[in-house]
N, C-alpha and C. Protein backbone atom coordinates (compact mmCIF):
# COMPACT_ATOMS: atom_id res chain seq x y z
N MET A 1 11.24 12.60 -19.37
CA MET A 1 11.51 13.98 -19.74
C MET A 1 12.52 14.55 -18.74
N SER A 2 13.42 15.37 -19.21
CA SER A 2 14.43 15.96 -18.33
C SER A 2 13.94 17.31 -17.79
N GLU A 3 14.64 17.75 -16.77
CA GLU A 3 14.31 19.06 -16.17
C GLU A 3 14.38 20.16 -17.23
N GLU A 4 15.41 20.13 -18.05
CA GLU A 4 15.58 21.16 -19.08
C GLU A 4 14.41 21.18 -20.07
N GLN A 5 13.87 20.00 -20.37
CA GLN A 5 12.74 19.91 -21.30
C GLN A 5 11.45 20.43 -20.69
N MET A 6 11.38 20.44 -19.37
CA MET A 6 10.16 20.86 -18.69
C MET A 6 10.14 22.34 -18.35
N LEU A 7 11.31 22.93 -18.14
CA LEU A 7 11.38 24.31 -17.67
C LEU A 7 10.74 25.31 -18.63
N ASN A 8 10.04 26.26 -18.05
CA ASN A 8 9.38 27.33 -18.78
C ASN A 8 8.32 26.87 -19.76
N LYS A 9 7.83 25.65 -19.53
CA LYS A 9 6.73 25.09 -20.33
C LYS A 9 5.47 25.12 -19.47
N PRO A 10 4.31 25.18 -20.12
CA PRO A 10 3.07 25.11 -19.32
C PRO A 10 2.82 23.69 -18.83
N VAL A 11 2.14 23.59 -17.69
CA VAL A 11 1.75 22.28 -17.21
C VAL A 11 0.74 21.69 -18.19
N PRO A 12 0.62 20.38 -18.25
CA PRO A 12 -0.37 19.77 -19.15
C PRO A 12 -1.79 20.22 -18.80
N GLN A 13 -2.60 20.39 -19.82
CA GLN A 13 -4.00 20.76 -19.64
C GLN A 13 -4.85 19.50 -19.61
N VAL A 14 -5.28 19.11 -18.42
CA VAL A 14 -6.12 17.95 -18.25
C VAL A 14 -7.26 18.28 -17.31
N THR A 15 -8.22 17.37 -17.23
CA THR A 15 -9.32 17.48 -16.28
C THR A 15 -9.19 16.33 -15.28
N PHE A 16 -9.11 16.69 -14.01
CA PHE A 16 -8.99 15.73 -12.93
C PHE A 16 -10.38 15.40 -12.40
N LYS A 17 -10.65 14.13 -12.18
CA LYS A 17 -11.93 13.68 -11.60
C LYS A 17 -11.74 13.62 -10.08
N THR A 18 -12.36 14.57 -9.38
CA THR A 18 -12.19 14.67 -7.93
C THR A 18 -13.51 14.39 -7.21
N ARG A 19 -13.38 14.18 -5.93
CA ARG A 19 -14.55 14.01 -5.05
C ARG A 19 -14.50 15.13 -4.02
N VAL A 20 -15.61 15.85 -3.88
CA VAL A 20 -15.68 17.00 -2.99
C VAL A 20 -16.77 16.76 -1.95
N ARG A 21 -16.43 17.05 -0.71
CA ARG A 21 -17.40 16.92 0.38
C ARG A 21 -18.56 17.87 0.15
N ASP A 22 -19.78 17.37 0.27
CA ASP A 22 -20.98 18.17 0.06
C ASP A 22 -22.02 17.70 1.07
N GLU A 23 -22.16 18.46 2.17
CA GLU A 23 -23.05 18.06 3.27
C GLU A 23 -24.52 17.97 2.84
N SER A 24 -24.88 18.64 1.74
CA SER A 24 -26.27 18.57 1.29
C SER A 24 -26.65 17.17 0.81
N ILE A 25 -25.66 16.35 0.52
CA ILE A 25 -25.92 14.99 0.06
C ILE A 25 -26.35 14.11 1.23
N GLY A 26 -25.76 14.32 2.40
CA GLY A 26 -26.09 13.53 3.59
C GLY A 26 -25.54 12.14 3.51
N GLY A 27 -25.87 11.34 4.50
CA GLY A 27 -25.44 9.95 4.52
C GLY A 27 -23.99 9.77 4.96
N GLU A 28 -23.52 8.53 4.81
CA GLU A 28 -22.17 8.18 5.25
C GLU A 28 -21.10 8.64 4.27
N ASN A 29 -21.48 8.95 3.05
CA ASN A 29 -20.49 9.33 2.03
C ASN A 29 -20.95 10.62 1.33
N PRO A 30 -20.91 11.75 2.05
CA PRO A 30 -21.41 13.00 1.48
C PRO A 30 -20.45 13.69 0.51
N TYR A 31 -20.13 13.00 -0.58
CA TYR A 31 -19.22 13.53 -1.58
C TYR A 31 -19.88 13.50 -2.94
N ARG A 32 -19.49 14.46 -3.77
CA ARG A 32 -19.97 14.50 -5.15
C ARG A 32 -18.77 14.60 -6.09
N TRP A 33 -18.97 14.17 -7.31
CA TRP A 33 -17.91 14.28 -8.32
C TRP A 33 -17.78 15.73 -8.75
N GLU A 34 -16.55 16.15 -8.97
CA GLU A 34 -16.30 17.50 -9.49
C GLU A 34 -15.08 17.45 -10.40
N ASP A 35 -15.26 17.94 -11.62
CA ASP A 35 -14.14 18.04 -12.54
C ASP A 35 -13.35 19.30 -12.20
N VAL A 36 -12.03 19.14 -12.06
CA VAL A 36 -11.13 20.26 -11.77
C VAL A 36 -10.04 20.25 -12.86
N THR A 37 -9.85 21.38 -13.50
CA THR A 37 -8.90 21.47 -14.60
C THR A 37 -7.53 21.92 -14.12
N SER A 38 -6.56 21.75 -14.99
CA SER A 38 -5.21 22.26 -14.68
C SER A 38 -5.27 23.74 -14.40
N ASP A 39 -6.06 24.48 -15.18
CA ASP A 39 -6.19 25.93 -14.94
C ASP A 39 -6.74 26.22 -13.56
N ASP A 40 -7.70 25.41 -13.10
CA ASP A 40 -8.25 25.61 -11.75
C ASP A 40 -7.16 25.49 -10.69
N TYR A 41 -6.26 24.55 -10.89
CA TYR A 41 -5.19 24.33 -9.90
C TYR A 41 -4.05 25.34 -10.03
N PHE A 42 -3.72 25.74 -11.27
CA PHE A 42 -2.46 26.46 -11.48
C PHE A 42 -2.57 27.89 -11.99
N LYS A 43 -3.63 28.25 -12.68
CA LYS A 43 -3.70 29.57 -13.31
C LYS A 43 -3.75 30.67 -12.25
N GLY A 44 -2.87 31.67 -12.40
CA GLY A 44 -2.85 32.82 -11.52
C GLY A 44 -2.33 32.53 -10.12
N LYS A 45 -1.63 31.40 -9.96
CA LYS A 45 -1.15 31.01 -8.63
C LYS A 45 0.32 30.62 -8.69
N LYS A 46 0.99 30.75 -7.56
CA LYS A 46 2.31 30.17 -7.37
C LYS A 46 2.09 28.90 -6.57
N THR A 47 2.51 27.78 -7.15
CA THR A 47 2.24 26.49 -6.51
C THR A 47 3.50 25.63 -6.45
N VAL A 48 3.48 24.72 -5.51
CA VAL A 48 4.46 23.65 -5.42
C VAL A 48 3.70 22.36 -5.62
N VAL A 49 4.21 21.52 -6.49
CA VAL A 49 3.61 20.22 -6.76
C VAL A 49 4.66 19.16 -6.49
N PHE A 50 4.29 18.13 -5.78
CA PHE A 50 5.17 16.98 -5.67
C PHE A 50 4.37 15.76 -6.05
N ALA A 51 5.01 14.89 -6.83
CA ALA A 51 4.34 13.70 -7.33
C ALA A 51 5.08 12.48 -6.80
N LEU A 52 4.32 11.44 -6.57
CA LEU A 52 4.88 10.25 -5.94
C LEU A 52 4.20 9.00 -6.49
N PRO A 53 4.80 7.83 -6.26
CA PRO A 53 4.29 6.59 -6.85
C PRO A 53 2.90 6.16 -6.39
N GLY A 54 2.57 6.37 -5.10
CA GLY A 54 1.26 5.92 -4.70
C GLY A 54 0.90 6.19 -3.26
N ALA A 55 -0.38 6.42 -3.07
CA ALA A 55 -0.94 6.57 -1.73
C ALA A 55 -0.70 5.28 -0.93
N PHE A 56 -0.54 5.43 0.35
CA PHE A 56 -0.36 4.31 1.27
C PHE A 56 0.93 3.53 1.09
N THR A 57 1.84 4.01 0.25
CA THR A 57 3.14 3.34 0.09
C THR A 57 4.11 3.88 1.13
N PRO A 58 5.14 3.13 1.49
CA PRO A 58 5.96 3.48 2.66
C PRO A 58 6.61 4.87 2.64
N THR A 59 7.44 5.18 1.66
CA THR A 59 8.13 6.48 1.65
C THR A 59 7.12 7.62 1.48
N CYS A 60 6.15 7.42 0.64
CA CYS A 60 5.14 8.46 0.37
C CYS A 60 4.36 8.81 1.64
N SER A 61 4.02 7.77 2.41
CA SER A 61 3.19 7.97 3.61
C SER A 61 4.00 8.40 4.83
N ALA A 62 5.22 7.89 4.95
CA ALA A 62 6.01 8.16 6.15
C ALA A 62 6.80 9.45 6.06
N THR A 63 7.21 9.84 4.85
CA THR A 63 8.14 10.96 4.71
C THR A 63 7.70 12.03 3.72
N HIS A 64 7.39 11.62 2.47
CA HIS A 64 7.17 12.59 1.42
C HIS A 64 6.00 13.54 1.71
N LEU A 65 4.80 13.02 1.80
CA LEU A 65 3.63 13.86 2.08
C LEU A 65 3.72 14.51 3.46
N PRO A 66 4.09 13.78 4.52
CA PRO A 66 4.18 14.44 5.83
C PRO A 66 5.17 15.61 5.87
N GLY A 67 6.26 15.51 5.11
CA GLY A 67 7.23 16.61 5.08
C GLY A 67 6.63 17.88 4.52
N TYR A 68 5.89 17.77 3.43
CA TYR A 68 5.25 18.94 2.85
C TYR A 68 4.14 19.47 3.75
N GLU A 69 3.41 18.60 4.38
CA GLU A 69 2.34 19.02 5.30
C GLU A 69 2.96 19.80 6.47
N ARG A 70 4.05 19.30 7.00
CA ARG A 70 4.72 19.93 8.13
C ARG A 70 5.30 21.31 7.76
N MET A 71 5.79 21.46 6.55
CA MET A 71 6.43 22.70 6.11
C MET A 71 5.50 23.63 5.33
N TYR A 72 4.24 23.27 5.25
CA TYR A 72 3.26 24.01 4.46
C TYR A 72 3.26 25.51 4.80
N ASP A 73 3.23 25.85 6.05
CA ASP A 73 3.18 27.25 6.44
C ASP A 73 4.43 28.02 6.01
N GLU A 74 5.57 27.34 5.95
CA GLU A 74 6.79 27.98 5.46
C GLU A 74 6.68 28.29 3.98
N PHE A 75 6.07 27.38 3.23
CA PHE A 75 5.84 27.65 1.79
C PHE A 75 4.91 28.83 1.63
N LYS A 76 3.83 28.85 2.41
CA LYS A 76 2.87 29.96 2.34
C LYS A 76 3.55 31.29 2.66
N ALA A 77 4.46 31.29 3.64
CA ALA A 77 5.16 32.52 4.04
C ALA A 77 6.03 33.06 2.92
N LEU A 78 6.41 32.21 1.98
CA LEU A 78 7.21 32.63 0.83
C LEU A 78 6.36 33.11 -0.33
N GLY A 79 5.04 33.10 -0.17
CA GLY A 79 4.15 33.55 -1.23
C GLY A 79 3.59 32.43 -2.09
N ILE A 80 3.78 31.20 -1.67
CA ILE A 80 3.21 30.06 -2.40
C ILE A 80 1.72 29.99 -2.04
N ASP A 81 0.88 29.93 -3.08
CA ASP A 81 -0.57 29.90 -2.86
C ASP A 81 -1.07 28.53 -2.44
N GLU A 82 -0.51 27.48 -3.05
CA GLU A 82 -0.95 26.11 -2.71
C GLU A 82 0.20 25.13 -2.88
N VAL A 83 0.12 24.06 -2.11
CA VAL A 83 1.03 22.92 -2.23
C VAL A 83 0.15 21.72 -2.58
N TYR A 84 0.50 21.05 -3.68
CA TYR A 84 -0.28 19.94 -4.19
C TYR A 84 0.54 18.65 -4.18
N CYS A 85 -0.10 17.56 -3.84
CA CYS A 85 0.45 16.23 -3.93
C CYS A 85 -0.31 15.51 -5.02
N LEU A 86 0.40 15.03 -6.03
CA LEU A 86 -0.22 14.35 -7.17
C LEU A 86 0.22 12.89 -7.21
N SER A 87 -0.72 12.01 -7.45
CA SER A 87 -0.40 10.60 -7.58
C SER A 87 -1.36 9.95 -8.56
N VAL A 88 -0.89 8.90 -9.21
CA VAL A 88 -1.75 8.14 -10.13
C VAL A 88 -2.57 7.17 -9.28
N ASN A 89 -3.51 7.77 -8.57
CA ASN A 89 -4.50 7.07 -7.77
C ASN A 89 -5.84 7.76 -7.99
N ASP A 90 -6.93 7.06 -7.78
CA ASP A 90 -8.24 7.66 -7.96
C ASP A 90 -8.61 8.55 -6.76
N ALA A 91 -9.67 9.30 -6.91
CA ALA A 91 -10.11 10.25 -5.90
C ALA A 91 -10.47 9.56 -4.58
N PHE A 92 -11.05 8.37 -4.64
CA PHE A 92 -11.41 7.67 -3.42
C PHE A 92 -10.17 7.33 -2.59
N VAL A 93 -9.16 6.82 -3.26
CA VAL A 93 -7.92 6.44 -2.58
C VAL A 93 -7.21 7.68 -2.03
N MET A 94 -7.13 8.73 -2.83
CA MET A 94 -6.44 9.94 -2.37
C MET A 94 -7.17 10.57 -1.17
N ASN A 95 -8.49 10.60 -1.20
CA ASN A 95 -9.24 11.14 -0.06
C ASN A 95 -9.02 10.32 1.19
N LYS A 96 -9.08 9.01 1.06
CA LYS A 96 -8.91 8.13 2.23
C LYS A 96 -7.49 8.25 2.78
N TRP A 97 -6.50 8.36 1.89
CA TRP A 97 -5.11 8.50 2.31
C TRP A 97 -4.91 9.80 3.07
N GLY A 98 -5.50 10.88 2.55
CA GLY A 98 -5.42 12.16 3.26
C GLY A 98 -6.04 12.10 4.64
N GLN A 99 -7.18 11.44 4.76
CA GLN A 99 -7.81 11.26 6.06
C GLN A 99 -6.94 10.42 6.99
N HIS A 100 -6.38 9.35 6.46
CA HIS A 100 -5.54 8.44 7.24
C HIS A 100 -4.32 9.17 7.82
N LEU A 101 -3.74 10.10 7.06
CA LEU A 101 -2.56 10.82 7.50
C LEU A 101 -2.90 12.15 8.17
N ASP A 102 -4.19 12.46 8.33
CA ASP A 102 -4.63 13.73 8.93
C ASP A 102 -4.09 14.94 8.17
N VAL A 103 -4.08 14.85 6.85
CA VAL A 103 -3.62 15.96 6.01
C VAL A 103 -4.69 17.03 6.02
N GLU A 104 -4.31 18.22 6.40
CA GLU A 104 -5.25 19.34 6.45
C GLU A 104 -4.86 20.49 5.56
N LYS A 105 -3.60 20.57 5.13
CA LYS A 105 -3.12 21.74 4.39
C LYS A 105 -2.79 21.44 2.94
N VAL A 106 -1.99 20.42 2.70
CA VAL A 106 -1.61 20.04 1.34
C VAL A 106 -2.86 19.51 0.63
N LYS A 107 -3.07 19.96 -0.60
CA LYS A 107 -4.20 19.48 -1.39
C LYS A 107 -3.76 18.28 -2.22
N LEU A 108 -4.58 17.24 -2.20
CA LEU A 108 -4.26 16.02 -2.92
C LEU A 108 -4.95 16.01 -4.28
N ILE A 109 -4.17 15.75 -5.32
CA ILE A 109 -4.69 15.72 -6.69
C ILE A 109 -4.71 14.27 -7.18
N PRO A 110 -5.90 13.73 -7.46
CA PRO A 110 -5.99 12.39 -8.00
C PRO A 110 -5.82 12.38 -9.51
N ASP A 111 -4.76 11.78 -9.98
CA ASP A 111 -4.52 11.63 -11.41
C ASP A 111 -4.83 10.18 -11.78
N GLY A 112 -6.06 9.79 -11.50
CA GLY A 112 -6.49 8.40 -11.60
C GLY A 112 -6.17 7.71 -12.91
N SER A 113 -6.36 8.39 -14.01
CA SER A 113 -6.06 7.80 -15.33
C SER A 113 -4.64 8.09 -15.77
N GLY A 114 -3.91 8.86 -14.99
CA GLY A 114 -2.52 9.17 -15.31
C GLY A 114 -2.34 10.15 -16.46
N GLU A 115 -3.39 10.88 -16.82
CA GLU A 115 -3.29 11.78 -17.96
C GLU A 115 -2.24 12.87 -17.76
N PHE A 116 -2.25 13.54 -16.60
CA PHE A 116 -1.28 14.59 -16.32
C PHE A 116 0.12 14.00 -16.31
N THR A 117 0.27 12.88 -15.63
CA THR A 117 1.57 12.24 -15.49
C THR A 117 2.14 11.83 -16.84
N LYS A 118 1.30 11.27 -17.71
CA LYS A 118 1.75 10.91 -19.06
C LYS A 118 2.17 12.15 -19.83
N GLU A 119 1.32 13.19 -19.79
CA GLU A 119 1.58 14.41 -20.57
C GLU A 119 2.88 15.11 -20.13
N ILE A 120 3.16 15.06 -18.84
CA ILE A 120 4.35 15.75 -18.35
C ILE A 120 5.60 14.88 -18.52
N GLY A 121 5.40 13.61 -18.92
CA GLY A 121 6.52 12.73 -19.21
C GLY A 121 7.10 12.02 -18.00
N MET A 122 6.32 11.86 -16.95
CA MET A 122 6.83 11.26 -15.72
C MET A 122 6.20 9.90 -15.40
N MET A 123 5.51 9.30 -16.37
CA MET A 123 4.89 7.98 -16.15
C MET A 123 5.95 6.90 -16.30
N VAL A 124 5.98 5.98 -15.36
CA VAL A 124 6.87 4.81 -15.43
C VAL A 124 6.07 3.56 -15.10
N LYS A 125 6.57 2.45 -15.58
CA LYS A 125 5.98 1.15 -15.23
C LYS A 125 6.59 0.70 -13.90
N LYS A 126 5.72 0.22 -13.02
CA LYS A 126 6.16 -0.35 -11.76
C LYS A 126 5.58 -1.75 -11.62
N ASP A 127 5.58 -2.47 -12.77
CA ASP A 127 5.05 -3.82 -12.78
C ASP A 127 5.85 -4.75 -11.87
N ASN A 128 7.13 -4.42 -11.68
CA ASN A 128 7.95 -5.25 -10.80
C ASN A 128 7.43 -5.24 -9.36
N LEU A 129 6.62 -4.25 -9.02
CA LEU A 129 6.01 -4.18 -7.69
C LEU A 129 4.51 -4.45 -7.72
N GLY A 130 3.99 -4.75 -8.91
CA GLY A 130 2.56 -4.98 -9.05
C GLY A 130 1.73 -3.71 -9.04
N PHE A 131 2.37 -2.55 -9.27
CA PHE A 131 1.66 -1.26 -9.25
C PHE A 131 1.11 -0.87 -10.61
N GLY A 132 1.64 -1.41 -11.71
CA GLY A 132 1.24 -0.94 -13.03
C GLY A 132 1.93 0.39 -13.33
N ASP A 133 1.25 1.26 -14.07
CA ASP A 133 1.81 2.56 -14.43
C ASP A 133 1.63 3.54 -13.29
N ARG A 134 2.69 4.22 -12.93
CA ARG A 134 2.69 5.18 -11.82
C ARG A 134 3.56 6.37 -12.14
N SER A 135 3.47 7.37 -11.31
CA SER A 135 4.31 8.56 -11.46
C SER A 135 5.70 8.30 -10.90
N TRP A 136 6.69 8.82 -11.59
CA TRP A 136 8.03 8.89 -11.03
C TRP A 136 7.98 9.96 -9.97
N ARG A 137 8.84 9.88 -8.98
CA ARG A 137 8.88 10.86 -7.90
C ARG A 137 9.60 12.13 -8.36
N TYR A 138 8.91 13.29 -8.22
CA TYR A 138 9.50 14.58 -8.57
C TYR A 138 8.76 15.68 -7.83
N SER A 139 9.33 16.88 -7.86
CA SER A 139 8.63 18.06 -7.34
C SER A 139 8.89 19.20 -8.31
N MET A 140 7.96 20.17 -8.31
CA MET A 140 8.17 21.32 -9.21
C MET A 140 7.50 22.56 -8.62
N TYR A 141 8.09 23.68 -8.98
CA TYR A 141 7.55 24.99 -8.65
C TYR A 141 6.88 25.50 -9.93
N VAL A 142 5.61 25.86 -9.83
CA VAL A 142 4.83 26.30 -10.98
C VAL A 142 4.28 27.70 -10.71
N ASP A 143 4.55 28.62 -11.59
CA ASP A 143 4.07 30.00 -11.46
C ASP A 143 3.11 30.29 -12.60
N ASN A 144 1.84 30.52 -12.26
CA ASN A 144 0.81 30.82 -13.25
C ASN A 144 0.75 29.77 -14.37
N GLY A 145 0.86 28.52 -13.98
CA GLY A 145 0.75 27.42 -14.94
C GLY A 145 2.03 27.09 -15.68
N GLU A 146 3.11 27.82 -15.42
CA GLU A 146 4.40 27.58 -16.09
C GLU A 146 5.38 26.96 -15.13
N ILE A 147 6.03 25.91 -15.58
CA ILE A 147 7.00 25.19 -14.75
C ILE A 147 8.28 26.01 -14.66
N LYS A 148 8.66 26.38 -13.44
CA LYS A 148 9.84 27.22 -13.23
C LYS A 148 11.02 26.45 -12.67
N LYS A 149 10.78 25.37 -11.95
CA LYS A 149 11.85 24.55 -11.39
C LYS A 149 11.33 23.14 -11.19
N VAL A 150 12.19 22.16 -11.46
CA VAL A 150 11.82 20.75 -11.28
C VAL A 150 12.97 20.03 -10.58
N PHE A 151 12.62 19.20 -9.65
CA PHE A 151 13.57 18.29 -9.02
C PHE A 151 13.08 16.87 -9.31
N ILE A 152 13.80 16.16 -10.17
CA ILE A 152 13.44 14.81 -10.58
C ILE A 152 14.38 13.83 -9.89
N GLU A 153 13.82 12.84 -9.25
CA GLU A 153 14.66 11.84 -8.60
C GLU A 153 15.53 11.12 -9.62
N PRO A 154 16.74 10.75 -9.24
CA PRO A 154 17.65 10.06 -10.17
C PRO A 154 17.16 8.65 -10.48
N GLY A 155 17.62 8.14 -11.62
CA GLY A 155 17.35 6.75 -11.98
C GLY A 155 16.05 6.51 -12.70
N PHE A 156 15.47 7.56 -13.30
CA PHE A 156 14.19 7.46 -13.99
C PHE A 156 14.23 6.29 -14.98
N GLU A 157 13.42 5.27 -14.71
CA GLU A 157 13.32 4.12 -15.62
C GLU A 157 12.13 3.27 -15.24
N ASP A 158 11.63 2.53 -16.20
CA ASP A 158 10.58 1.56 -15.93
C ASP A 158 11.11 0.47 -15.01
N ASN A 159 10.26 0.02 -14.11
CA ASN A 159 10.57 -1.08 -13.21
C ASN A 159 11.88 -0.88 -12.45
N CYS A 160 12.12 0.36 -12.07
CA CYS A 160 13.32 0.69 -11.29
C CYS A 160 13.34 -0.16 -10.01
N PRO A 161 14.45 -0.82 -9.72
CA PRO A 161 14.51 -1.66 -8.52
C PRO A 161 14.54 -0.84 -7.24
N ASP A 162 14.83 0.45 -7.35
CA ASP A 162 14.91 1.33 -6.19
C ASP A 162 13.77 2.33 -6.19
N ASP A 163 13.62 3.03 -5.09
CA ASP A 163 12.66 4.12 -4.99
C ASP A 163 13.41 5.34 -4.46
N PRO A 164 14.19 5.99 -5.34
CA PRO A 164 15.01 7.10 -4.85
C PRO A 164 14.17 8.24 -4.28
N PHE A 165 14.67 8.79 -3.19
CA PHE A 165 14.02 9.93 -2.53
C PHE A 165 15.12 10.83 -1.99
N GLU A 166 15.69 11.61 -2.91
CA GLU A 166 16.83 12.45 -2.57
C GLU A 166 16.62 13.94 -2.83
N VAL A 167 15.80 14.29 -3.84
CA VAL A 167 15.69 15.70 -4.23
C VAL A 167 14.27 16.24 -4.32
N SER A 168 13.26 15.38 -4.22
CA SER A 168 11.88 15.86 -4.35
C SER A 168 11.23 16.15 -3.01
N ASP A 169 12.01 16.13 -1.96
CA ASP A 169 11.49 16.35 -0.61
C ASP A 169 11.15 17.82 -0.37
N ALA A 170 10.41 18.07 0.68
CA ALA A 170 9.96 19.43 1.01
C ALA A 170 11.12 20.35 1.32
N GLU A 171 12.12 19.86 2.02
CA GLU A 171 13.26 20.72 2.42
C GLU A 171 14.03 21.22 1.20
N THR A 172 14.27 20.35 0.22
CA THR A 172 14.98 20.76 -0.99
C THR A 172 14.21 21.86 -1.71
N MET A 173 12.90 21.68 -1.87
CA MET A 173 12.08 22.69 -2.55
C MET A 173 12.04 23.98 -1.74
N LEU A 174 11.88 23.87 -0.44
CA LEU A 174 11.82 25.06 0.41
C LEU A 174 13.13 25.85 0.34
N ASN A 175 14.27 25.16 0.38
CA ASN A 175 15.56 25.85 0.28
C ASN A 175 15.71 26.55 -1.06
N TYR A 176 15.27 25.91 -2.14
CA TYR A 176 15.32 26.55 -3.47
C TYR A 176 14.46 27.81 -3.48
N LEU A 177 13.24 27.72 -2.96
CA LEU A 177 12.33 28.86 -2.99
C LEU A 177 12.80 30.00 -2.10
N LYS A 178 13.45 29.69 -0.99
CA LYS A 178 13.98 30.73 -0.12
C LYS A 178 15.01 31.57 -0.88
N GLU A 179 15.82 30.93 -1.70
CA GLU A 179 16.80 31.66 -2.52
C GLU A 179 16.15 32.38 -3.69
N GLU A 180 15.20 31.70 -4.33
CA GLU A 180 14.58 32.23 -5.56
C GLU A 180 13.60 33.36 -5.27
N LEU A 181 12.83 33.25 -4.20
CA LEU A 181 11.76 34.21 -3.95
C LEU A 181 12.12 35.26 -2.90
N ALA A 182 13.30 35.14 -2.32
CA ALA A 182 13.69 36.09 -1.24
C ALA A 182 13.96 37.48 -1.78
């Protein structure tokens, strides 16, 4: 899907299967399942979402997620309510990845079955890397559930031999929002 096809459209309505820390459970794994809907994440909020191929992968772990985590307070200062990182990984993997990177501000959204990614048109095959179906790398500004701006990495295709990372970074989105929301 192109940027033009996504603009001013609502985000897909899906239910995400998440794991939430619950101390009342006790033990070594005090988490419970919680369904979180697109409305829970986006309705009545100004949000930034960035999607990436996978947790624990090189660019995603070294640059993409850390950049948004580092600039989180700058997004908040512009009136952004939340910054979300979405990946076609399950809740267990996303939680462990967040712990591994000491992520405290950016919220991680597990799109384990890829429903959101398919609906928004950003699912690609990465069989050439043994990943299966994954999200193409992109970022978007969403206001009250409506997509207002999208930065899609170039070269969108199945089994892309490259992993472009040119426009979905935190700095590009932050610069756009400084102009748009100032």
